[in-house]
Amino acid sequence: MRARPAAGIFMALTRRCPLACEHCSTNSLVSSEEFPEELFYGFVKTFTPENKPDVILLTGGEPLLRPKLVIDITEWAHSIGTTVCLISGMFFANQKEIPPLITQALSGVDLFTASLDYYHEKQVPRKAVFRVLHQLLDQGKDVSLQIVGLNEHDSYLADVTKDVIENFGNRVPMFVSQVGDVGRAKNWLNKQHLNANIDINPEPCAMSSWPVISFDGTIVACCNQDVINGPVPSHLRLGHAAVDDWKTVRERLVNSEFLRAIRLFGPEYLAEQYGSERGKCDGYCSTCYKLSEDPVISNRIEPLMKRSTMDFVEEKVLLFQQQRHYGIPNYAHLVSVGYKSRREEIQ
């Protein structure tokens, strides 16, 4: 679903977070910005049974600092047939008991994902995270983990994934990826740790498939934190939750020739093949950030995307994207731990 345009939407309900992880992509603090709940709930209320995302992924900052908003969004989403997922840094796991409102919020969402990594563990011990996950699993809740490390050779990743399997068997899938060169990590991350791709070939971008509502209501077509923090490049801006509804945002995301081309070819290939300054790419996301500064690209993309064959090509690339594994390749299989297809369940 992640590669299918507008199948889902990310909603950063707040920028606030009681943790202060040294790799935090959002630079969140407990004193960070937070906007009125109606900004987010009002936008969700524009979803209808006929026109809605299949999935809402609630994030932050820390979304469970606003448990009542999570409850309200979940109730409306379920009333129109939308699934709700939530990712948390697990600040509440340090307490003996989960606060009642957070318990209610967790009981409503369809999938709960916990962030677990070396940097989170400095503030929320692994033992505490495992304790809460066991409680949720015992209650019948679907849970997963999002884990980051420096690269495939990071010993932490080998240790934590082994520990998860020993404690939970095949009940907790894991998405394992790298620490991003964004937010606080920019201050210390050794770029040599990052896996680099030096070839400029078509590399479809799934990050531009789902809209993201940032903590201030700005809606963008990318989940890269630098884009969310702004300023937002014109080709990635979809609107604002205070004035635009889901139908409008969805149409802009799906029909934009610029975004269709990014999803199909990736930003570096577009810049190299259709830009005015070939050989100027300086990274996948950083190249995308500057695409709309080159008017030549837009002029060249338009006739390309209007070709009669493009719908067919987009469909085939989408099928390819749906089969891809993301994150660190050595750990990619962990994302489907415990998964059973509908056919297997029926049998």
Protein backbone atom coordinates (compact mmCIF):
# COMPACT_ATOMS: atom_id res chain seq x y z
CA MET A 1 0.00 0.00 0.00
CA ARG A 2 2.88 2.37 0.70
CA ALA A 3 3.60 2.84 -2.99
CA ARG A 4 -0.02 3.41 -4.05
CA PRO A 5 -0.70 7.15 -4.34
CA ALA A 6 -3.09 8.46 -1.67
CA ALA A 7 -3.70 4.99 -0.18
CA GLY A 8 -2.73 6.51 3.15
CA ILE A 9 -1.87 9.73 4.90
CA PHE A 10 0.61 10.63 7.64
CA MET A 11 -0.58 13.04 10.33
CA ALA A 12 1.92 14.65 12.73
CA LEU A 13 -0.50 15.57 15.53
CA THR A 14 2.08 17.57 17.45
CA ARG A 15 5.74 18.43 17.41
CA ARG A 16 5.97 18.04 21.17
CA CYS A 17 7.68 15.04 22.75
CA PRO A 18 8.75 14.35 26.36
CA LEU A 19 11.84 12.51 25.10
CA ALA A 20 14.93 14.20 23.66
CA CYS A 21 16.54 11.50 21.52
CA GLU A 22 19.85 12.52 20.00
CA HIS A 23 18.86 11.24 16.54
CA CYS A 24 15.38 12.86 16.49
CA SER A 25 14.47 13.87 12.94
CA THR A 26 11.91 16.45 14.12
CA ASN A 27 14.06 18.15 16.80
CA SER A 28 11.12 17.64 19.13
CA LEU A 29 11.05 18.81 22.74
CA VAL A 30 8.31 18.91 25.35
CA SER A 31 8.12 22.67 24.66
CA SER A 32 7.83 22.33 20.86
CA GLU A 33 4.95 23.64 18.76
CA GLU A 34 1.41 22.29 19.05
CA PHE A 35 -1.59 23.51 17.07
CA PRO A 36 -5.34 23.21 17.85
CA GLU A 37 -6.86 19.74 17.70
CA GLU A 38 -9.62 20.95 15.38
CA LEU A 39 -7.02 21.56 12.65
CA PHE A 40 -6.42 17.81 12.40
CA TYR A 41 -9.82 16.46 13.37
CA GLY A 42 -11.54 18.90 11.02
CA PHE A 43 -9.49 17.60 8.10
CA VAL A 44 -10.21 13.97 9.00
CA LYS A 45 -13.91 14.81 9.04
CA THR A 46 -13.67 15.58 5.31
CA PHE A 47 -13.04 11.88 4.67
CA THR A 48 -16.17 10.13 3.41
CA PRO A 49 -17.00 6.45 2.84
CA GLU A 50 -16.72 7.15 -0.90
CA ASN A 51 -13.51 9.19 -0.79
CA LYS A 52 -11.02 8.38 1.97
CA PRO A 53 -7.51 7.05 2.53
CA ASP A 54 -7.34 3.39 3.43
CA VAL A 55 -4.86 4.13 6.23
CA ILE A 56 -4.13 7.01 8.60
CA LEU A 57 -0.71 6.84 10.25
CA LEU A 58 -0.59 9.03 13.35
CA THR A 59 2.80 10.34 14.31
CA GLY A 60 4.47 13.41 15.82
CA GLY A 61 6.48 14.43 17.84
CA GLU A 62 4.67 12.08 20.17
CA PRO A 63 1.01 11.58 19.14
CA LEU A 64 0.05 10.01 22.48
CA LEU A 65 0.55 13.37 24.16
CA ARG A 66 -2.87 14.03 22.57
CA PRO A 67 -4.77 10.81 23.40
CA LYS A 68 -8.22 12.43 23.14
CA LEU A 69 -7.42 13.59 19.61
CA VAL A 70 -6.21 10.08 18.74
CA ILE A 71 -9.49 8.66 20.07
CA ASP A 72 -11.63 11.14 18.10
CA ILE A 73 -9.71 10.57 14.85
CA THR A 74 -9.87 6.79 15.29
CA GLU A 75 -13.62 6.79 15.92
CA TRP A 76 -14.35 8.85 12.80
CA ALA A 77 -11.91 6.84 10.68
CA HIS A 78 -13.50 3.57 11.71
CA SER A 79 -16.98 4.92 11.01
CA ILE A 80 -16.05 5.39 7.34
CA GLY A 81 -13.87 2.30 6.95
CA THR A 82 -10.33 3.69 7.36
CA THR A 83 -7.62 1.84 9.30
CA VAL A 84 -5.62 3.72 11.94
CA CYS A 85 -1.96 3.07 12.77
CA LEU A 86 0.06 4.93 15.39
CA ILE A 87 3.78 5.14 16.07
CA SER A 88 5.11 6.14 19.49
CA GLY A 89 8.41 6.67 21.26
CA MET A 90 6.88 4.85 24.28
CA PHE A 91 7.51 7.57 26.89
CA PHE A 92 4.69 6.09 29.00
CA ALA A 93 6.42 2.70 29.25
CA ASN A 94 8.54 4.06 32.09
CA GLN A 95 5.43 4.12 34.29
CA LYS A 96 4.12 1.06 36.12
CA GLU A 97 0.69 1.48 34.54
CA ILE A 98 -0.36 3.04 31.26
CA PRO A 99 -2.46 6.19 31.89
CA PRO A 100 -6.21 5.58 31.26
CA LEU A 101 -6.60 7.93 28.28
CA ILE A 102 -3.55 6.46 26.58
CA THR A 103 -4.94 2.98 27.25
CA GLN A 104 -8.19 4.00 25.58
CA ALA A 105 -6.34 5.49 22.61
CA LEU A 106 -4.23 2.35 22.17
CA SER A 107 -7.27 0.08 22.39
CA GLY A 108 -8.83 1.85 19.41
CA VAL A 109 -6.00 1.94 16.87
CA ASP A 110 -5.61 -1.01 14.51
CA LEU A 111 -1.81 -1.21 14.64
CA PHE A 112 0.55 0.14 17.27
CA THR A 113 4.19 0.64 16.29
CA ALA A 114 6.90 1.37 18.83
CA SER A 115 10.19 3.09 18.04
CA LEU A 116 13.07 1.08 19.45
CA ASP A 117 16.73 1.87 18.92
CA TYR A 118 19.95 2.63 20.76
CA TYR A 119 18.98 6.29 21.21
CA HIS A 120 15.47 5.62 22.52
CA GLU A 121 16.79 3.02 24.92
CA LYS A 122 18.81 5.67 26.74
CA GLN A 123 15.47 7.08 27.95
CA VAL A 124 13.02 4.19 27.70
CA PRO A 125 14.64 0.82 28.54
CA ARG A 126 14.05 -2.11 26.22
CA LYS A 127 12.64 -4.12 29.11
CA ALA A 128 9.91 -1.50 29.63
CA VAL A 129 9.04 -1.45 25.92
CA PHE A 130 8.81 -5.26 25.83
CA ARG A 131 6.57 -5.25 28.91
CA VAL A 132 4.04 -2.94 27.26
CA LEU A 133 4.16 -4.84 23.97
CA HIS A 134 3.43 -8.09 25.82
CA GLN A 135 0.42 -6.42 27.48
CA LEU A 136 -0.92 -5.18 24.14
CA LEU A 137 -0.39 -8.55 22.45
CA ASP A 138 -2.19 -10.31 25.30
CA GLN A 139 -5.11 -7.94 24.69
CA GLY A 140 -5.21 -8.96 21.03
CA LYS A 141 -3.62 -5.80 19.65
CA ASP A 142 -1.46 -5.90 16.53
CA VAL A 143 1.96 -4.38 17.25
CA SER A 144 5.19 -3.84 15.34
CA LEU A 145 8.57 -2.19 15.83
CA GLN A 146 10.42 0.48 13.89
CA ILE A 147 14.14 0.11 14.51
CA VAL A 148 17.02 2.22 13.22
CA GLY A 149 20.77 1.69 13.23
CA LEU A 150 23.83 3.18 11.56
CA ASN A 151 24.01 0.56 8.78
CA GLU A 152 23.79 -3.19 8.21
CA HIS A 153 27.01 -3.71 10.21
CA ASP A 154 25.67 -2.02 13.35
CA SER A 155 25.94 -4.60 16.15
CA TYR A 156 22.97 -3.03 17.91
CA LEU A 157 20.65 -4.16 15.12
CA ALA A 158 21.82 -7.77 15.34
CA ASP A 159 21.33 -7.73 19.10
CA VAL A 160 17.92 -6.09 19.27
CA THR A 161 16.32 -8.06 16.42
CA LYS A 162 17.51 -11.32 17.97
CA ASP A 163 16.11 -10.22 21.33
CA VAL A 164 12.72 -9.38 19.80
CA ILE A 165 12.45 -12.79 18.15
CA GLU A 166 13.49 -14.57 21.37
CA ASN A 167 10.87 -12.66 23.36
CA PHE A 168 7.99 -12.58 20.88
CA GLY A 169 8.58 -15.30 18.29
CA ASN A 170 6.76 -14.34 15.09
CA ARG A 171 4.28 -11.99 16.75
CA VAL A 172 6.11 -8.69 16.22
CA PRO A 173 7.23 -7.65 12.72
CA MET A 174 10.10 -5.17 12.47
CA PHE A 175 10.94 -2.46 9.97
CA VAL A 176 14.71 -1.91 10.20
CA SER A 177 16.28 1.14 8.55
CA GLN A 178 19.13 3.63 8.89
CA VAL A 179 19.45 6.72 11.00
CA GLY A 180 18.65 9.63 8.71
CA ASP A 181 20.89 12.61 8.05
CA VAL A 182 18.18 14.95 9.36
CA GLY A 183 17.28 16.71 12.58
CA ARG A 184 19.68 16.25 15.49
CA ALA A 185 21.58 13.45 13.76
CA LYS A 186 23.01 16.02 11.34
CA ASN A 187 25.19 17.26 14.18
CA TRP A 188 27.01 13.98 14.72
CA LEU A 189 26.25 11.39 12.04
CA ASN A 190 29.33 10.20 10.18
CA LYS A 191 28.23 10.25 6.53
CA GLN A 192 30.56 7.30 5.86
CA HIS A 193 28.08 5.15 7.79
CA LEU A 194 25.41 5.74 5.16
CA ASN A 195 24.92 3.34 2.28
CA ALA A 196 25.38 5.40 -0.88
CA ASN A 197 24.11 4.88 -4.41
CA ILE A 198 26.37 6.61 -6.91
CA ASP A 199 24.62 5.47 -10.10
CA ILE A 200 21.94 7.78 -11.48
CA ASN A 201 19.33 5.39 -12.80
CA PRO A 202 15.54 5.54 -12.55
CA GLU A 203 14.76 5.02 -8.85
CA PRO A 204 11.00 5.39 -8.19
CA CYS A 205 10.13 7.34 -5.05
CA ALA A 206 7.49 5.85 -2.76
CA MET A 207 8.03 8.64 -0.21
CA SER A 208 5.95 10.93 -2.42
CA SER A 209 2.96 8.58 -2.57
CA TRP A 210 1.17 9.56 0.64
CA PRO A 211 0.39 13.11 1.81
CA VAL A 212 1.80 14.27 5.14
CA ILE A 213 0.06 16.75 7.42
CA SER A 214 2.76 18.46 9.44
CA PHE A 215 2.38 19.68 13.01
CA ASP A 216 1.18 23.12 11.80
CA GLY A 217 -1.34 21.78 9.27
CA THR A 218 0.78 22.24 6.15
CA ILE A 219 0.19 19.34 3.76
CA VAL A 220 3.12 18.08 1.71
CA ALA A 221 3.71 15.24 -0.74
CA CYS A 222 6.78 13.86 1.01
CA CYS A 223 7.63 12.30 4.38
CA ASN A 224 11.21 13.60 4.37
CA GLN A 225 11.58 15.64 7.55
CA ASP A 226 13.45 18.49 5.86
CA VAL A 227 10.43 19.01 3.59
CA ILE A 228 8.01 18.83 6.51
CA ASN A 229 10.04 21.36 8.50
CA GLY A 230 10.01 23.72 5.51
CA PRO A 231 10.31 25.86 3.60
CA VAL A 232 8.34 23.55 1.32
CA PRO A 233 9.32 23.45 -2.38
CA SER A 234 6.38 24.39 -4.59
CA HIS A 235 6.20 21.00 -6.32
CA LEU A 236 5.82 19.24 -2.95
CA ARG A 237 3.20 21.53 -1.39
CA LEU A 238 -0.35 20.14 -1.47
CA GLY A 239 -2.22 22.64 0.69
CA HIS A 240 -3.22 23.24 4.30
CA ALA A 241 -5.56 21.35 6.61
CA ALA A 242 -7.33 24.56 7.60
CA VAL A 243 -8.55 25.33 4.07
CA ASP A 244 -8.30 22.16 1.95
CA ASP A 245 -10.26 18.91 2.18
CA TRP A 246 -9.16 15.35 1.49
CA LYS A 247 -10.71 15.26 -1.99
CA THR A 248 -8.72 18.33 -3.07
CA VAL A 249 -5.47 17.12 -1.56
CA ARG A 250 -5.87 13.66 -3.07
CA GLU A 251 -6.50 15.07 -6.55
CA ARG A 252 -3.43 17.29 -6.33
CA LEU A 253 -1.25 14.38 -5.22
CA VAL A 254 -2.52 11.88 -7.77
CA ASN A 255 -2.77 14.17 -10.80
CA SER A 256 0.34 16.34 -10.50
CA GLU A 257 2.58 15.52 -13.46
CA PHE A 258 5.61 16.57 -11.44
CA LEU A 259 4.78 14.18 -8.60
CA ARG A 260 3.85 11.38 -10.99
CA ALA A 261 7.28 11.74 -12.61
CA ILE A 262 9.04 11.66 -9.24
CA ARG A 263 7.15 8.52 -8.26
CA LEU A 264 8.04 6.97 -11.59
CA PHE A 265 11.68 7.98 -12.17
CA GLY A 266 12.96 9.48 -8.91
CA PRO A 267 14.42 12.99 -8.53
CA GLU A 268 18.03 12.33 -9.51
CA TYR A 269 17.09 10.75 -12.82
CA LEU A 270 14.70 13.62 -13.59
CA ALA A 271 17.38 16.21 -12.83
CA GLU A 272 20.02 14.37 -14.84
CA GLN A 273 17.87 13.65 -17.89
CA TYR A 274 15.54 16.66 -18.00
CA GLY A 275 17.25 19.40 -16.00
CA SER A 276 19.29 22.34 -17.29
CA GLU A 277 22.43 21.40 -15.31
CA ARG A 278 23.28 17.75 -15.73
CA GLY A 279 25.72 16.22 -13.29
CA LYS A 280 24.59 18.53 -10.46
CA CYS A 281 22.78 15.93 -8.34
CA ASP A 282 23.96 15.96 -4.73
CA GLY A 283 21.82 13.24 -3.21
CA TYR A 284 18.41 11.67 -3.76
CA CYS A 285 16.24 13.82 -1.46
CA SER A 286 18.37 16.96 -1.66
CA THR A 287 18.08 16.87 -5.45
CA CYS A 288 14.30 16.59 -5.21
CA TYR A 289 14.18 19.55 -2.84
CA LYS A 290 15.58 21.77 -5.61
CA LEU A 291 13.70 20.41 -8.63
CA SER A 292 11.13 23.20 -8.82
CA GLU A 293 13.92 25.80 -8.90
CA ASP A 294 14.71 24.61 -12.44
CA PRO A 295 11.78 25.61 -14.75
CA VAL A 296 13.28 23.57 -17.58
CA ILE A 297 12.43 20.33 -15.76
CA SER A 298 8.73 21.17 -15.44
CA ASN A 299 8.50 22.13 -19.12
CA ARG A 300 10.13 18.88 -20.20
CA ILE A 301 8.18 16.64 -17.82
CA GLU A 302 4.75 17.79 -18.99
CA PRO A 303 4.84 16.28 -22.52
CA LEU A 304 6.59 13.19 -21.16
CA MET A 305 3.83 12.43 -18.65
CA LYS A 306 1.09 13.10 -21.20
CA ARG A 307 2.24 10.25 -23.41
CA SER A 308 -0.46 7.62 -23.88
CA THR A 309 1.80 4.86 -22.57
CA MET A 310 2.47 6.48 -19.19
CA ASP A 311 -0.58 5.05 -17.41
CA PHE A 312 0.61 1.56 -18.35
CA VAL A 313 4.18 2.29 -17.21
CA GLU A 314 2.98 3.74 -13.90
CA GLU A 315 0.88 0.65 -13.24
CA LYS A 316 3.84 -1.65 -13.85
CA VAL A 317 6.17 0.44 -11.66
CA LEU A 318 3.55 0.40 -8.91
CA LEU A 319 3.46 -3.41 -9.02
CA PHE A 320 7.25 -3.44 -8.80
CA GLN A 321 7.22 -1.06 -5.84
CA GLN A 322 4.70 -3.22 -4.00
CA GLN A 323 7.12 -6.15 -4.18
CA ARG A 324 10.13 -4.19 -2.96
CA HIS A 325 11.61 -4.40 0.50
CA TYR A 326 12.60 -1.13 2.12
CA GLY A 327 15.04 -0.40 4.89
CA ILE A 328 18.32 -2.26 5.40
CA PRO A 329 18.37 -5.28 3.02
CA ASN A 330 19.82 -7.76 5.54
CA TYR A 331 16.82 -7.17 7.79
CA ALA A 332 14.12 -6.65 5.15
CA HIS A 333 12.50 -10.05 5.79
CA LEU A 334 11.61 -9.02 9.34
CA VAL A 335 8.91 -6.67 8.12
CA SER A 336 6.74 -9.67 7.26
CA VAL A 337 7.36 -11.75 10.40
CA GLY A 338 4.13 -13.54 11.28
CA TYR A 339 2.33 -12.31 8.17
CA LYS A 340 -0.32 -14.53 6.65
CA SER A 341 -1.96 -13.70 3.37
CA ARG A 342 -5.74 -13.64 3.16
CA ARG A 343 -5.54 -16.86 1.10
CA GLU A 344 -3.57 -18.57 3.87
CA GLU A 345 -6.09 -17.43 6.50
CA ILE A 346 -8.97 -18.81 4.46
CA GLN A 347 -7.22 -22.13 3.97
